[in-house]
Amino acid sequence: MKYLALIAALTLAACGVDGAPQRPEQPAPKPGVSVSGDGRIGVRADGL
């Protein structure tokens, strides 16, 4: 029972520690780098 009370207290203590959420003043910048491609995994048995 002590552990349950401790977990509940820690969970509630971590909620909203710094107040209500605030919207950022400027939107986050979009990244300028993109990565694309494909990958394959398998066994190839040519010429064995």
Protein backbone atom coordinates (compact mmCIF):
# COMPACT_ATOMS: atom_id res chain seq x y z
CA MET A 1 0.00 0.00 0.00
CA LYS A 2 2.90 2.36 0.70
CA TYR A 3 4.30 1.77 -2.77
CA LEU A 4 0.98 2.56 -4.42
CA ALA A 5 0.71 5.83 -2.49
CA LEU A 6 4.30 6.73 -3.42
CA ILE A 7 3.73 6.02 -7.13
CA ALA A 8 0.50 8.05 -7.08
CA ALA A 9 2.22 10.98 -5.36
CA LEU A 10 5.13 10.97 -7.82
CA THR A 11 2.80 10.75 -10.81
CA LEU A 12 0.67 13.65 -9.63
CA ALA A 13 3.73 15.70 -8.70
CA ALA A 14 5.05 15.45 -12.27
CA CYS A 15 1.82 16.72 -13.87
CA GLY A 16 1.84 20.41 -14.75
CA VAL A 17 4.89 21.34 -12.71
CA ASP A 18 5.58 24.50 -14.70
CA GLY A 19 1.97 25.60 -15.19
CA ALA A 20 -0.37 25.44 -18.13
CA PRO A 21 1.09 24.70 -21.58
CA GLN A 22 1.95 27.71 -23.72
CA ARG A 23 2.04 27.90 -27.49
CA PRO A 24 5.49 28.74 -28.94
CA GLU A 25 5.85 32.28 -30.26
CA GLN A 26 7.36 31.17 -33.57
CA PRO A 27 6.69 27.90 -35.37
CA ALA A 28 9.50 25.38 -35.34
CA PRO A 29 11.73 25.64 -38.41
CA LYS A 30 11.32 22.91 -40.99
CA PRO A 31 14.42 20.76 -41.45
CA GLY A 32 16.47 21.42 -44.54
CA VAL A 33 17.71 17.86 -44.97
CA SER A 34 15.68 14.87 -46.05
CA VAL A 35 16.74 11.25 -46.31
CA SER A 36 15.04 8.61 -48.41
CA GLY A 37 15.80 5.16 -49.74
CA ASP A 38 15.01 1.49 -49.34
CA GLY A 39 16.57 -1.51 -47.72
CA ARG A 40 16.40 -5.22 -48.35
CA ILE A 41 17.31 -8.24 -46.31
CA GLY A 42 17.66 -11.70 -47.72
CA VAL A 43 19.88 -14.54 -48.86
CA ARG A 44 21.30 -14.74 -52.31
CA ALA A 45 22.64 -18.05 -53.63
CA ASP A 46 23.87 -17.34 -57.18
CA GLY A 47 26.59 -19.64 -58.46
CA LEU A 48 27.03 -21.76 -55.34
